[in-house]
Amino acid sequence: MNEDPLARLVSLEGVASGFAAARDGIDVMLRDRGLRRTSPETTAESLLRGAHASAVLEGSGSTLGEVRASGGDAIAQDAVRLSTELLALVPVVKQAPLQAFARMHALVAGALLEAEELGRPRSSAAAERLGRISELLLAPTSAPALAVAAFVHADLATSAPFASHNGLVARAAERLVLVARGVDEKSLVVPEAGHLALRAAYESNLRGFREGGQAGAHSWLLYAAEAYAAGAEASPLRLDATE
């Protein structure tokens, strides 16, 4: 890629300031709650909460308690299975995003699809779209990491490159990018819960992004900054402090 398309979108009104405020909120939350006091169990709780929220957005009817106790329904179990191995893909997404996407789909769809469908784009057009998303992640950009994560999420969710589970993959990819780009190295923010808390706006803005054009992408990025703020509030660090 010779241009920096994300930088152009971030230059639109309100986007840079929205992401700056969201990043400040995340940094304050992580600093104030003391990263030195966090544990692998805190990260695991964040991943579990994220898996539950993502599953609900995908149509699951399971509660968080049910997911914690028994895995919940099939959609929730798929989301949890992906979440438990997600952070192992951090080095992969930095070097070979296509491999990371394929592995995510294989993890989440393994109980539903035949082996030959796992991790494979559903068409040549889908493969081309995945290639462009990969190139975007590998190309230099002046856009903030939050914007990169948000754009990857929307592009995967709306292009639906796999035969199933595209929403779960898209939301997991967003979390993965936040970790890989140093926003949230211990994965303590719960962006999936932010989207669930703002579900009507989430679904509406994804539709706008799918329809294409600068206006849809602009609205999505403005929305995503709000969702990240809500995701920070949903962190186990925040919740533990109020309990």
C-alpha atoms as a PDB file:
ATOM      1  CA  MET A   1       0.000   0.000   0.000  1.00  0.00           C
ATOM      2  CA  ASN A   2       1.458   3.355  -0.971  1.00  0.00           C
ATOM      3  CA  GLU A   3      -1.127   5.479   0.770  1.00  0.00           C
ATOM      4  CA  ASP A   4      -2.206   5.582   4.392  1.00  0.00           C
ATOM      5  CA  PRO A   5      -6.002   5.226   4.187  1.00  0.00           C
ATOM      6  CA  LEU A   6      -6.500   5.049   7.932  1.00  0.00           C
ATOM      7  CA  ALA A   7      -4.644   8.310   8.477  1.00  0.00           C
ATOM      8  CA  ARG A   8      -7.041   9.964   6.053  1.00  0.00           C
ATOM      9  CA  LEU A   9     -10.050   8.639   7.968  1.00  0.00           C
ATOM     10  CA  VAL A  10      -8.592   9.642  11.328  1.00  0.00           C
ATOM     11  CA  SER A  11      -8.260  13.199  10.006  1.00  0.00           C
ATOM     12  CA  LEU A  12     -12.048  13.452   9.722  1.00  0.00           C
ATOM     13  CA  GLU A  13     -13.881  15.582  12.249  1.00  0.00           C
ATOM     14  CA  GLY A  14     -13.948  14.233  15.792  1.00  0.00           C
ATOM     15  CA  VAL A  15     -12.114  10.967  15.110  1.00  0.00           C
ATOM     16  CA  ALA A  16      -8.630  11.803  16.407  1.00  0.00           C
ATOM     17  CA  SER A  17      -9.963  13.527  19.512  1.00  0.00           C
ATOM     18  CA  GLY A  18     -12.372  10.663  20.183  1.00  0.00           C
ATOM     19  CA  PHE A  19      -9.643   8.057  20.036  1.00  0.00           C
ATOM     20  CA  ALA A  20      -7.275  10.224  22.075  1.00  0.00           C
ATOM     21  CA  ALA A  21      -9.881  10.489  24.831  1.00  0.00           C
ATOM     22  CA  ALA A  22     -10.557   6.752  24.701  1.00  0.00           C
ATOM     23  CA  ARG A  23      -6.839   5.948  24.906  1.00  0.00           C
ATOM     24  CA  ASP A  24      -6.412   8.339  27.824  1.00  0.00           C
ATOM     25  CA  GLY A  25      -9.255   6.594  29.634  1.00  0.00           C
ATOM     26  CA  ILE A  26      -7.727   3.174  29.019  1.00  0.00           C
ATOM     27  CA  ASP A  27      -4.281   4.335  30.158  1.00  0.00           C
ATOM     28  CA  VAL A  28      -5.691   5.903  33.322  1.00  0.00           C
ATOM     29  CA  MET A  29      -7.671   2.763  34.145  1.00  0.00           C
ATOM     30  CA  LEU A  30      -4.645   0.524  33.692  1.00  0.00           C
ATOM     31  CA  ARG A  31      -2.358   2.827  35.632  1.00  0.00           C
ATOM     32  CA  ASP A  32      -4.756   3.582  38.481  1.00  0.00           C
ATOM     33  CA  ARG A  33      -5.646  -0.049  39.084  1.00  0.00           C
ATOM     34  CA  GLY A  34      -1.977  -0.993  39.129  1.00  0.00           C
ATOM     35  CA  LEU A  35      -0.746  -3.314  36.435  1.00  0.00           C
ATOM     36  CA  ARG A  36       1.804  -4.681  38.892  1.00  0.00           C
ATOM     37  CA  ARG A  37      -1.084  -6.137  40.893  1.00  0.00           C
ATOM     38  CA  THR A  38      -2.771  -7.891  38.002  1.00  0.00           C
ATOM     39  CA  SER A  39      -2.514 -11.601  37.443  1.00  0.00           C
ATOM     40  CA  PRO A  40      -3.146 -14.163  34.728  1.00  0.00           C
ATOM     41  CA  GLU A  41      -6.491 -14.764  36.424  1.00  0.00           C
ATOM     42  CA  THR A  42      -7.482 -11.135  35.762  1.00  0.00           C
ATOM     43  CA  THR A  43      -6.623 -11.515  32.093  1.00  0.00           C
ATOM     44  CA  ALA A  44      -8.547 -14.796  31.971  1.00  0.00           C
ATOM     45  CA  GLU A  45     -11.584 -13.079  33.485  1.00  0.00           C
ATOM     46  CA  SER A  46     -11.390 -10.298  30.900  1.00  0.00           C
ATOM     47  CA  LEU A  47     -11.199 -12.857  28.105  1.00  0.00           C
ATOM     48  CA  LEU A  48     -14.147 -14.790  29.553  1.00  0.00           C
ATOM     49  CA  ARG A  49     -16.266 -11.650  29.843  1.00  0.00           C
ATOM     50  CA  GLY A  50     -15.327 -10.731  26.303  1.00  0.00           C
ATOM     51  CA  ALA A  51     -16.204 -14.168  24.985  1.00  0.00           C
ATOM     52  CA  HIS A  52     -19.598 -14.017  26.670  1.00  0.00           C
ATOM     53  CA  ALA A  53     -20.374 -10.541  25.315  1.00  0.00           C
ATOM     54  CA  SER A  54     -19.248 -11.504  21.811  1.00  0.00           C
ATOM     55  CA  ALA A  55     -21.371 -14.642  21.933  1.00  0.00           C
ATOM     56  CA  VAL A  56     -24.456 -12.653  22.963  1.00  0.00           C
ATOM     57  CA  LEU A  57     -23.884 -10.309  20.024  1.00  0.00           C
ATOM     58  CA  GLU A  58     -23.722 -13.430  17.831  1.00  0.00           C
ATOM     59  CA  GLY A  59     -27.058 -14.717  19.153  1.00  0.00           C
ATOM     60  CA  SER A  60     -26.180 -16.666  22.295  1.00  0.00           C
ATOM     61  CA  GLY A  61     -28.755 -16.747  25.082  1.00  0.00           C
ATOM     62  CA  SER A  62     -26.322 -17.826  27.804  1.00  0.00           C
ATOM     63  CA  THR A  63     -25.642 -15.694  30.856  1.00  0.00           C
ATOM     64  CA  LEU A  64     -22.146 -14.929  32.066  1.00  0.00           C
ATOM     65  CA  GLY A  65     -22.729 -17.219  35.023  1.00  0.00           C
ATOM     66  CA  GLU A  66     -23.722 -20.069  32.746  1.00  0.00           C
ATOM     67  CA  VAL A  67     -20.674 -19.541  30.576  1.00  0.00           C
ATOM     68  CA  ARG A  68     -18.430 -19.496  33.623  1.00  0.00           C
ATOM     69  CA  ALA A  69     -20.009 -22.624  35.101  1.00  0.00           C
ATOM     70  CA  SER A  70     -20.512 -24.870  32.107  1.00  0.00           C
ATOM     71  CA  GLY A  71     -19.499 -23.080  28.922  1.00  0.00           C
ATOM     72  CA  GLY A  72     -23.037 -22.038  28.000  1.00  0.00           C
ATOM     73  CA  ASP A  73     -24.711 -22.807  24.690  1.00  0.00           C
ATOM     74  CA  ALA A  74     -22.905 -23.774  21.494  1.00  0.00           C
ATOM     75  CA  ILE A  75     -22.191 -20.194  20.390  1.00  0.00           C
ATOM     76  CA  ALA A  76     -20.779 -19.319  23.798  1.00  0.00           C
ATOM     77  CA  GLN A  77     -18.629 -22.429  23.817  1.00  0.00           C
ATOM     78  CA  ASP A  78     -17.248 -21.480  20.410  1.00  0.00           C
ATOM     79  CA  ALA A  79     -16.400 -17.990  21.674  1.00  0.00           C
ATOM     80  CA  VAL A  80     -14.730 -19.319  24.827  1.00  0.00           C
ATOM     81  CA  ARG A  81     -12.689 -21.817  22.835  1.00  0.00           C
ATOM     82  CA  LEU A  82     -11.329 -18.981  20.720  1.00  0.00           C
ATOM     83  CA  SER A  83     -10.674 -16.720  23.703  1.00  0.00           C
ATOM     84  CA  THR A  84      -8.596 -19.289  25.555  1.00  0.00           C
ATOM     85  CA  GLU A  85      -6.020 -19.452  22.753  1.00  0.00           C
ATOM     86  CA  LEU A  86      -6.302 -15.913  21.418  1.00  0.00           C
ATOM     87  CA  LEU A  87      -3.277 -14.336  23.097  1.00  0.00           C
ATOM     88  CA  ALA A  88      -0.977 -17.022  21.700  1.00  0.00           C
ATOM     89  CA  LEU A  89      -1.659 -15.412  18.308  1.00  0.00           C
ATOM     90  CA  VAL A  90      -0.186 -12.022  19.234  1.00  0.00           C
ATOM     91  CA  PRO A  91       3.187 -12.714  17.549  1.00  0.00           C
ATOM     92  CA  VAL A  92       1.414 -14.251  14.562  1.00  0.00           C
ATOM     93  CA  VAL A  93      -0.825 -11.263  13.875  1.00  0.00           C
ATOM     94  CA  LYS A  94       2.226  -8.995  13.971  1.00  0.00           C
ATOM     95  CA  GLN A  95       4.011 -10.939  11.230  1.00  0.00           C
ATOM     96  CA  ALA A  96       1.379 -12.923   9.320  1.00  0.00           C
ATOM     97  CA  PRO A  97      -2.164 -11.614   9.871  1.00  0.00           C
ATOM     98  CA  LEU A  98      -3.662 -14.040   7.351  1.00  0.00           C
ATOM     99  CA  GLN A  99      -2.377 -16.967   9.396  1.00  0.00           C
ATOM    100  CA  ALA A 100      -3.815 -15.436  12.556  1.00  0.00           C
ATOM    101  CA  PHE A 101      -7.243 -14.972  10.966  1.00  0.00           C
ATOM    102  CA  ALA A 102      -7.221 -18.535   9.645  1.00  0.00           C
ATOM    103  CA  ARG A 103      -6.284 -19.926  13.045  1.00  0.00           C
ATOM    104  CA  MET A 104      -8.981 -17.881  14.771  1.00  0.00           C
ATOM    105  CA  HIS A 105     -11.617 -19.226  12.437  1.00  0.00           C
ATOM    106  CA  ALA A 106     -10.383 -22.786  12.816  1.00  0.00           C
ATOM    107  CA  LEU A 107     -10.601 -22.462  16.595  1.00  0.00           C
ATOM    108  CA  VAL A 108     -14.053 -20.935  16.699  1.00  0.00           C
ATOM    109  CA  ALA A 109     -15.702 -23.012  13.952  1.00  0.00           C
ATOM    110  CA  GLY A 110     -14.132 -26.386  14.659  1.00  0.00           C
ATOM    111  CA  ALA A 111     -17.283 -27.834  16.194  1.00  0.00           C
ATOM    112  CA  LEU A 112     -19.489 -26.860  13.231  1.00  0.00           C
ATOM    113  CA  LEU A 113     -17.675 -26.976   9.916  1.00  0.00           C
ATOM    114  CA  GLU A 114     -15.838 -29.650   7.997  1.00  0.00           C
ATOM    115  CA  ALA A 115     -12.054 -29.584   8.225  1.00  0.00           C
ATOM    116  CA  GLU A 116     -11.623 -28.280   4.688  1.00  0.00           C
ATOM    117  CA  GLU A 117     -13.695 -25.189   5.515  1.00  0.00           C
ATOM    118  CA  LEU A 118     -11.793 -24.201   8.639  1.00  0.00           C
ATOM    119  CA  GLY A 119      -9.704 -21.077   8.207  1.00  0.00           C
ATOM    120  CA  ARG A 120     -10.410 -20.874   4.507  1.00  0.00           C
ATOM    121  CA  PRO A 121     -12.054 -17.884   2.823  1.00  0.00           C
ATOM    122  CA  ARG A 122     -15.411 -18.765   1.300  1.00  0.00           C
ATOM    123  CA  SER A 123     -14.644 -17.322  -2.135  1.00  0.00           C
ATOM    124  CA  SER A 124     -11.919 -15.702  -4.194  1.00  0.00           C
ATOM    125  CA  ALA A 125     -13.434 -12.307  -3.423  1.00  0.00           C
ATOM    126  CA  ALA A 126     -13.298 -13.101   0.285  1.00  0.00           C
ATOM    127  CA  ALA A 127      -9.658 -14.163  -0.042  1.00  0.00           C
ATOM    128  CA  GLU A 128      -8.873 -10.875  -1.767  1.00  0.00           C
ATOM    129  CA  ARG A 129     -10.593  -8.934   1.002  1.00  0.00           C
ATOM    130  CA  LEU A 130      -8.659 -10.816   3.680  1.00  0.00           C
ATOM    131  CA  GLY A 131      -5.480 -10.008   1.787  1.00  0.00           C
ATOM    132  CA  ARG A 132      -6.283  -6.297   1.873  1.00  0.00           C
ATOM    133  CA  ILE A 133      -6.977  -6.417   5.613  1.00  0.00           C
ATOM    134  CA  SER A 134      -3.653  -8.190   6.120  1.00  0.00           C
ATOM    135  CA  GLU A 135      -1.841  -5.580   4.051  1.00  0.00           C
ATOM    136  CA  LEU A 136      -3.461  -2.856   6.124  1.00  0.00           C
ATOM    137  CA  LEU A 137      -2.110  -4.408   9.310  1.00  0.00           C
ATOM    138  CA  LEU A 138       1.389  -4.792   7.893  1.00  0.00           C
ATOM    139  CA  ALA A 139       1.635  -1.336   6.317  1.00  0.00           C
ATOM    140  CA  PRO A 140       3.058   1.663   8.200  1.00  0.00           C
ATOM    141  CA  THR A 141       0.389   4.065   9.410  1.00  0.00           C
ATOM    142  CA  SER A 142       0.208   7.203  11.478  1.00  0.00           C
ATOM    143  CA  ALA A 143      -3.282   6.220  12.673  1.00  0.00           C
ATOM    144  CA  PRO A 144      -3.638   5.343  16.361  1.00  0.00           C
ATOM    145  CA  ALA A 145      -3.756   1.664  17.277  1.00  0.00           C
ATOM    146  CA  LEU A 146      -7.364   2.009  18.433  1.00  0.00           C
ATOM    147  CA  ALA A 147      -8.371   3.129  14.949  1.00  0.00           C
ATOM    148  CA  VAL A 148      -6.517   0.217  13.355  1.00  0.00           C
ATOM    149  CA  ALA A 149      -8.262  -2.275  15.653  1.00  0.00           C
ATOM    150  CA  ALA A 150     -11.664  -0.725  15.017  1.00  0.00           C
ATOM    151  CA  PHE A 151     -11.225  -0.748  11.250  1.00  0.00           C
ATOM    152  CA  VAL A 152     -10.055  -4.369  11.178  1.00  0.00           C
ATOM    153  CA  HIS A 153     -13.066  -5.356  13.294  1.00  0.00           C
ATOM    154  CA  ALA A 154     -15.551  -3.643  10.990  1.00  0.00           C
ATOM    155  CA  ASP A 155     -13.906  -4.886   7.796  1.00  0.00           C
ATOM    156  CA  LEU A 156     -13.904  -8.511   8.967  1.00  0.00           C
ATOM    157  CA  ALA A 157     -17.437  -8.334  10.351  1.00  0.00           C
ATOM    158  CA  THR A 158     -18.981  -6.759   7.265  1.00  0.00           C
ATOM    159  CA  SER A 159     -17.057  -8.626   4.578  1.00  0.00           C
ATOM    160  CA  ALA A 160     -17.788 -11.984   6.301  1.00  0.00           C
ATOM    161  CA  PRO A 161     -14.879 -13.764   4.599  1.00  0.00           C
ATOM    162  CA  PHE A 162     -15.426 -17.146   6.294  1.00  0.00           C
ATOM    163  CA  ALA A 163     -18.270 -19.643   6.042  1.00  0.00           C
ATOM    164  CA  SER A 164     -19.383 -18.962   9.629  1.00  0.00           C
ATOM    165  CA  HIS A 165     -18.559 -17.176  12.898  1.00  0.00           C
ATOM    166  CA  ASN A 166     -17.401 -13.959  11.234  1.00  0.00           C
ATOM    167  CA  GLY A 167     -18.639 -11.725  14.046  1.00  0.00           C
ATOM    168  CA  LEU A 168     -16.797 -13.746  16.673  1.00  0.00           C
ATOM    169  CA  VAL A 169     -13.614 -13.657  14.603  1.00  0.00           C
ATOM    170  CA  ALA A 170     -13.920  -9.916  13.979  1.00  0.00           C
ATOM    171  CA  ARG A 171     -14.338  -9.048  17.649  1.00  0.00           C
ATOM    172  CA  ALA A 172     -11.509 -11.369  18.668  1.00  0.00           C
ATOM    173  CA  ALA A 173      -9.274  -9.806  16.015  1.00  0.00           C
ATOM    174  CA  GLU A 174     -10.015  -6.371  17.437  1.00  0.00           C
ATOM    175  CA  ARG A 175      -8.894  -7.475  20.904  1.00  0.00           C
ATOM    176  CA  LEU A 176      -5.833  -9.131  19.407  1.00  0.00           C
ATOM    177  CA  VAL A 177      -4.774  -5.935  17.629  1.00  0.00           C
ATOM    178  CA  LEU A 178      -5.173  -3.936  20.838  1.00  0.00           C
ATOM    179  CA  VAL A 179      -2.787  -6.318  22.568  1.00  0.00           C
ATOM    180  CA  ALA A 180      -0.330  -6.616  19.674  1.00  0.00           C
ATOM    181  CA  ARG A 181      -0.063  -2.838  19.247  1.00  0.00           C
ATOM    182  CA  GLY A 182       0.587  -2.180  22.923  1.00  0.00           C
ATOM    183  CA  VAL A 183      -2.683  -0.509  23.887  1.00  0.00           C
ATOM    184  CA  ASP A 184      -3.585  -3.233  26.359  1.00  0.00           C
ATOM    185  CA  GLU A 185      -0.735  -5.727  26.598  1.00  0.00           C
ATOM    186  CA  LYS A 186      -2.380  -7.806  29.337  1.00  0.00           C
ATOM    187  CA  SER A 187      -5.791  -7.750  27.606  1.00  0.00           C
ATOM    188  CA  LEU A 188      -7.687  -6.244  30.517  1.00  0.00           C
ATOM    189  CA  VAL A 189     -10.063  -4.023  28.540  1.00  0.00           C
ATOM    190  CA  VAL A 190     -13.248  -5.798  27.387  1.00  0.00           C
ATOM    191  CA  PRO A 191     -14.089  -4.204  24.024  1.00  0.00           C
ATOM    192  CA  GLU A 192     -16.727  -6.860  23.320  1.00  0.00           C
ATOM    193  CA  ALA A 193     -18.640  -5.748  26.406  1.00  0.00           C
ATOM    194  CA  GLY A 194     -18.414  -2.165  25.196  1.00  0.00           C
ATOM    195  CA  HIS A 195     -20.089  -3.186  21.949  1.00  0.00           C
ATOM    196  CA  LEU A 196     -22.750  -5.136  23.810  1.00  0.00           C
ATOM    197  CA  ALA A 197     -23.502  -2.177  26.076  1.00  0.00           C
ATOM    198  CA  LEU A 198     -23.991  -0.046  22.945  1.00  0.00           C
ATOM    199  CA  ARG A 199     -25.577  -2.799  20.899  1.00  0.00           C
ATOM    200  CA  ALA A 200     -28.046  -0.713  18.908  1.00  0.00           C
ATOM    201  CA  ALA A 201     -25.343   1.753  17.888  1.00  0.00           C
ATOM    202  CA  TYR A 202     -22.909  -1.103  17.227  1.00  0.00           C
ATOM    203  CA  GLU A 203     -25.223  -2.865  14.824  1.00  0.00           C
ATOM    204  CA  SER A 204     -26.349   0.359  13.160  1.00  0.00           C
ATOM    205  CA  ASN A 205     -22.805   1.562  12.548  1.00  0.00           C
ATOM    206  CA  LEU A 206     -21.710  -1.800  11.199  1.00  0.00           C
ATOM    207  CA  ARG A 207     -24.555  -1.554   8.690  1.00  0.00           C
ATOM    208  CA  GLY A 208     -23.327   1.897   7.739  1.00  0.00           C
ATOM    209  CA  PHE A 209     -19.785   0.623   7.311  1.00  0.00           C
ATOM    210  CA  ARG A 210     -21.039  -2.280   5.175  1.00  0.00           C
ATOM    211  CA  GLU A 211     -22.840   0.116   2.848  1.00  0.00           C
ATOM    212  CA  GLY A 212     -19.488   1.695   2.113  1.00  0.00           C
ATOM    213  CA  GLY A 213     -18.241   5.188   1.644  1.00  0.00           C
ATOM    214  CA  GLN A 214     -16.447   7.656   3.834  1.00  0.00           C
ATOM    215  CA  ALA A 215     -19.534   8.596   5.805  1.00  0.00           C
ATOM    216  CA  GLY A 216     -20.062   5.045   7.031  1.00  0.00           C
ATOM    217  CA  ALA A 217     -16.422   4.601   7.989  1.00  0.00           C
ATOM    218  CA  HIS A 218     -16.418   7.989   9.722  1.00  0.00           C
ATOM    219  CA  SER A 219     -19.476   7.131  11.802  1.00  0.00           C
ATOM    220  CA  TRP A 220     -18.039   3.723  12.695  1.00  0.00           C
ATOM    221  CA  LEU A 221     -14.792   5.234  13.970  1.00  0.00           C
ATOM    222  CA  LEU A 222     -16.648   7.833  16.043  1.00  0.00           C
ATOM    223  CA  TYR A 223     -18.763   5.049  17.503  1.00  0.00           C
ATOM    224  CA  ALA A 224     -15.724   2.823  18.168  1.00  0.00           C
ATOM    225  CA  ALA A 225     -14.105   5.477  20.367  1.00  0.00           C
ATOM    226  CA  GLU A 226     -17.213   5.404  22.571  1.00  0.00           C
ATOM    227  CA  ALA A 227     -17.218   1.621  22.625  1.00  0.00           C
ATOM    228  CA  TYR A 228     -13.601   1.478  23.780  1.00  0.00           C
ATOM    229  CA  ALA A 229     -14.434   3.790  26.663  1.00  0.00           C
ATOM    230  CA  ALA A 230     -17.279   1.452  27.610  1.00  0.00           C
ATOM    231  CA  GLY A 231     -14.930  -1.527  27.233  1.00  0.00           C
ATOM    232  CA  ALA A 232     -12.502   0.029  29.699  1.00  0.00           C
ATOM    233  CA  GLU A 233     -15.316   0.468  32.202  1.00  0.00           C
ATOM    234  CA  ALA A 234     -16.163  -3.231  31.786  1.00  0.00           C
ATOM    235  CA  SER A 235     -12.639  -4.341  32.720  1.00  0.00           C
ATOM    236  CA  PRO A 236     -12.361  -6.699  35.701  1.00  0.00           C
ATOM    237  CA  LEU A 237     -10.041  -4.073  37.191  1.00  0.00           C
ATOM    238  CA  ARG A 238     -12.883  -1.570  37.265  1.00  0.00           C
ATOM    239  CA  LEU A 239     -15.427  -4.086  38.441  1.00  0.00           C
ATOM    240  CA  ASP A 240     -13.175  -5.393  41.204  1.00  0.00           C
ATOM    241  CA  ALA A 241     -12.709  -1.866  42.493  1.00  0.00           C
ATOM    242  CA  THR A 242     -16.457  -1.372  42.900  1.00  0.00           C
ATOM    243  CA  GLU A 243     -17.253  -4.734  44.465  1.00  0.00           C
END
